[in-house]
Amino acid sequence: MKLFKRTPEFEKEFKRLVKKFRSLDEDICSFEKILEAYPTGVGSKFVIIHSDSGVKIVKARLACRALRESSLRVIYAWHEQCVTFFYIELYHKGEKENEDRVRISEYLKSL
């Protein structure tokens, strides 16, 4: 069984963005179905930005129906041994240029 967990920072960003983009809740569910089949994703919309023994940090584009021609970015960690996903960051490309490298480093240190 695969588990999807959220960091407190991710949860805060999700709550803020779901008010702007009403389809986000359903879009995350669709995204999770893809991750269940392909944990590190498929195609050019998924990029592994960190790979370590047992954990991979992936940056992915999340198609949001409310945005139509744009997408959100999701940073998540895939823990292979315990078959668990941890959402680390969620942002709109128009609001923020790149992922928060400090947050990713802090997450990796906490392991």
C-alpha atoms as a PDB file:
ATOM      1  CA  MET A   1       0.000   0.000   0.000  1.00  0.00           C
ATOM      2  CA  LYS A   2       1.332   3.410  -0.952  1.00  0.00           C
ATOM      3  CA  LEU A   3       0.968   6.329   1.418  1.00  0.00           C
ATOM      4  CA  PHE A   4       0.833  10.021   0.623  1.00  0.00           C
ATOM      5  CA  LYS A   5       1.899  12.383   3.387  1.00  0.00           C
ATOM      6  CA  ARG A   6       2.292  16.142   3.480  1.00  0.00           C
ATOM      7  CA  THR A   7       4.780  18.371   5.233  1.00  0.00           C
ATOM      8  CA  PRO A   8       3.244  21.267   7.216  1.00  0.00           C
ATOM      9  CA  GLU A   9       4.645  23.764   4.707  1.00  0.00           C
ATOM     10  CA  PHE A  10       3.060  21.873   1.814  1.00  0.00           C
ATOM     11  CA  GLU A  11      -0.277  21.731   3.645  1.00  0.00           C
ATOM     12  CA  LYS A  12      -0.209  25.511   4.129  1.00  0.00           C
ATOM     13  CA  GLU A  13       0.558  26.105   0.430  1.00  0.00           C
ATOM     14  CA  PHE A  14      -2.123  23.626  -0.614  1.00  0.00           C
ATOM     15  CA  LYS A  15      -4.812  25.356   1.477  1.00  0.00           C
ATOM     16  CA  ARG A  16      -3.854  28.736   0.017  1.00  0.00           C
ATOM     17  CA  LEU A  17      -3.819  27.504  -3.591  1.00  0.00           C
ATOM     18  CA  VAL A  18      -7.005  25.423  -3.384  1.00  0.00           C
ATOM     19  CA  LYS A  19      -8.888  28.679  -2.728  1.00  0.00           C
ATOM     20  CA  LYS A  20      -7.518  30.094  -6.000  1.00  0.00           C
ATOM     21  CA  PHE A  21      -7.760  26.927  -8.075  1.00  0.00           C
ATOM     22  CA  ARG A  22     -10.948  25.024  -7.201  1.00  0.00           C
ATOM     23  CA  SER A  23     -10.025  21.870  -9.125  1.00  0.00           C
ATOM     24  CA  LEU A  24      -6.775  21.365  -7.175  1.00  0.00           C
ATOM     25  CA  ASP A  25      -8.182  18.758  -4.788  1.00  0.00           C
ATOM     26  CA  GLU A  26      -9.304  16.525  -7.670  1.00  0.00           C
ATOM     27  CA  ASP A  27      -6.109  17.258  -9.610  1.00  0.00           C
ATOM     28  CA  ILE A  28      -3.985  15.992  -6.697  1.00  0.00           C
ATOM     29  CA  CYS A  29      -6.047  12.760  -6.618  1.00  0.00           C
ATOM     30  CA  SER A  30      -5.388  12.226 -10.338  1.00  0.00           C
ATOM     31  CA  PHE A  31      -1.698  12.986  -9.784  1.00  0.00           C
ATOM     32  CA  GLU A  32      -1.529  10.384  -6.999  1.00  0.00           C
ATOM     33  CA  LYS A  33      -2.947   7.718  -9.321  1.00  0.00           C
ATOM     34  CA  ILE A  34      -0.083   8.409 -11.728  1.00  0.00           C
ATOM     35  CA  LEU A  35       2.444   8.189  -8.883  1.00  0.00           C
ATOM     36  CA  GLU A  36       1.019   4.839  -7.752  1.00  0.00           C
ATOM     37  CA  ALA A  37       1.815   3.433 -11.185  1.00  0.00           C
ATOM     38  CA  TYR A  38       5.060   5.359 -11.777  1.00  0.00           C
ATOM     39  CA  PRO A  39       6.608   6.585  -8.480  1.00  0.00           C
ATOM     40  CA  THR A  40       9.181   8.824 -10.144  1.00  0.00           C
ATOM     41  CA  GLY A  41       6.854   9.751 -12.998  1.00  0.00           C
ATOM     42  CA  VAL A  42       7.084   9.379 -16.743  1.00  0.00           C
ATOM     43  CA  GLY A  43       8.049  11.814 -19.455  1.00  0.00           C
ATOM     44  CA  SER A  44       9.512  15.274 -19.389  1.00  0.00           C
ATOM     45  CA  LYS A  45       7.100  16.595 -16.760  1.00  0.00           C
ATOM     46  CA  PHE A  46       8.991  14.738 -14.010  1.00  0.00           C
ATOM     47  CA  VAL A  47      12.620  15.477 -13.072  1.00  0.00           C
ATOM     48  CA  ILE A  48      14.579  13.732 -10.326  1.00  0.00           C
ATOM     49  CA  ILE A  49      16.445  16.562  -8.589  1.00  0.00           C
ATOM     50  CA  HIS A  50      18.016  14.428  -5.839  1.00  0.00           C
ATOM     51  CA  SER A  51      18.703  10.710  -5.668  1.00  0.00           C
ATOM     52  CA  ASP A  52      20.020   9.012  -2.583  1.00  0.00           C
ATOM     53  CA  SER A  53      19.897   5.490  -1.221  1.00  0.00           C
ATOM     54  CA  GLY A  54      16.236   4.849  -0.630  1.00  0.00           C
ATOM     55  CA  VAL A  55      14.888   8.341  -1.345  1.00  0.00           C
ATOM     56  CA  LYS A  56      14.401  10.354  -4.512  1.00  0.00           C
ATOM     57  CA  ILE A  57      13.271  13.984  -4.632  1.00  0.00           C
ATOM     58  CA  VAL A  58      11.203  14.688  -7.728  1.00  0.00           C
ATOM     59  CA  LYS A  59      10.004  17.945  -9.248  1.00  0.00           C
ATOM     60  CA  ALA A  60       6.851  17.491 -11.293  1.00  0.00           C
ATOM     61  CA  ARG A  61       4.313  19.527 -13.180  1.00  0.00           C
ATOM     62  CA  LEU A  62       0.814  19.140 -11.799  1.00  0.00           C
ATOM     63  CA  ALA A  63      -1.829  19.730 -14.442  1.00  0.00           C
ATOM     64  CA  CYS A  64      -4.509  21.904 -12.873  1.00  0.00           C
ATOM     65  CA  ARG A  65      -7.779  22.122 -14.785  1.00  0.00           C
ATOM     66  CA  ALA A  66      -8.531  25.536 -13.282  1.00  0.00           C
ATOM     67  CA  LEU A  67      -5.340  26.919 -14.851  1.00  0.00           C
ATOM     68  CA  ARG A  68      -6.048  25.516 -18.339  1.00  0.00           C
ATOM     69  CA  GLU A  69      -2.793  26.327 -20.143  1.00  0.00           C
ATOM     70  CA  SER A  70      -0.487  26.480 -17.138  1.00  0.00           C
ATOM     71  CA  SER A  71       0.504  24.079 -14.387  1.00  0.00           C
ATOM     72  CA  LEU A  72       1.595  23.968 -10.791  1.00  0.00           C
ATOM     73  CA  ARG A  73       4.883  22.533  -9.572  1.00  0.00           C
ATOM     74  CA  VAL A  74       5.039  19.810  -6.958  1.00  0.00           C
ATOM     75  CA  ILE A  75       8.179  18.711  -5.138  1.00  0.00           C
ATOM     76  CA  TYR A  76       7.868  15.323  -3.471  1.00  0.00           C
ATOM     77  CA  ALA A  77      10.046  12.656  -1.935  1.00  0.00           C
ATOM     78  CA  TRP A  78       9.651   8.993  -2.894  1.00  0.00           C
ATOM     79  CA  HIS A  79      10.824   6.593  -0.180  1.00  0.00           C
ATOM     80  CA  GLU A  80      11.327   3.240  -1.888  1.00  0.00           C
ATOM     81  CA  GLN A  81      11.736   0.999   1.183  1.00  0.00           C
ATOM     82  CA  CYS A  82       8.562   2.092   2.972  1.00  0.00           C
ATOM     83  CA  VAL A  83       6.666   2.857  -0.266  1.00  0.00           C
ATOM     84  CA  THR A  84       5.748   6.357   0.907  1.00  0.00           C
ATOM     85  CA  PHE A  85       5.443   9.733  -0.778  1.00  0.00           C
ATOM     86  CA  PHE A  86       6.048  12.974   1.106  1.00  0.00           C
ATOM     87  CA  TYR A  87       4.844  16.173  -0.509  1.00  0.00           C
ATOM     88  CA  ILE A  88       7.401  18.894   0.224  1.00  0.00           C
ATOM     89  CA  GLU A  89       6.383  21.922  -1.818  1.00  0.00           C
ATOM     90  CA  LEU A  90       3.601  23.188  -4.079  1.00  0.00           C
ATOM     91  CA  TYR A  91       3.776  26.422  -6.064  1.00  0.00           C
ATOM     92  CA  HIS A  92       2.537  28.183  -9.161  1.00  0.00           C
ATOM     93  CA  LYS A  93       5.242  28.967 -11.688  1.00  0.00           C
ATOM     94  CA  GLY A  94       3.837  32.478 -12.114  1.00  0.00           C
ATOM     95  CA  GLU A  95       4.330  33.248  -8.416  1.00  0.00           C
ATOM     96  CA  LYS A  96       7.701  31.631  -7.852  1.00  0.00           C
ATOM     97  CA  GLU A  97      10.508  30.849 -10.275  1.00  0.00           C
ATOM     98  CA  ASN A  98      12.152  27.777  -8.701  1.00  0.00           C
ATOM     99  CA  GLU A  99      11.792  25.276  -5.905  1.00  0.00           C
ATOM    100  CA  ASP A 100      12.947  26.087  -2.370  1.00  0.00           C
ATOM    101  CA  ARG A 101      16.324  24.323  -2.175  1.00  0.00           C
ATOM    102  CA  VAL A 102      16.680  25.172   1.521  1.00  0.00           C
ATOM    103  CA  ARG A 103      13.402  23.420   2.313  1.00  0.00           C
ATOM    104  CA  ILE A 104      14.504  20.341   0.362  1.00  0.00           C
ATOM    105  CA  SER A 105      17.846  20.298   2.218  1.00  0.00           C
ATOM    106  CA  GLU A 106      16.063  20.596   5.563  1.00  0.00           C
ATOM    107  CA  TYR A 107      13.763  17.732   4.626  1.00  0.00           C
ATOM    108  CA  LEU A 108      16.737  15.527   3.718  1.00  0.00           C
ATOM    109  CA  LYS A 109      18.506  16.394   6.979  1.00  0.00           C
ATOM    110  CA  SER A 110      15.420  15.379   8.948  1.00  0.00           C
ATOM    111  CA  LEU A 111      15.591  11.815   7.603  1.00  0.00           C
END
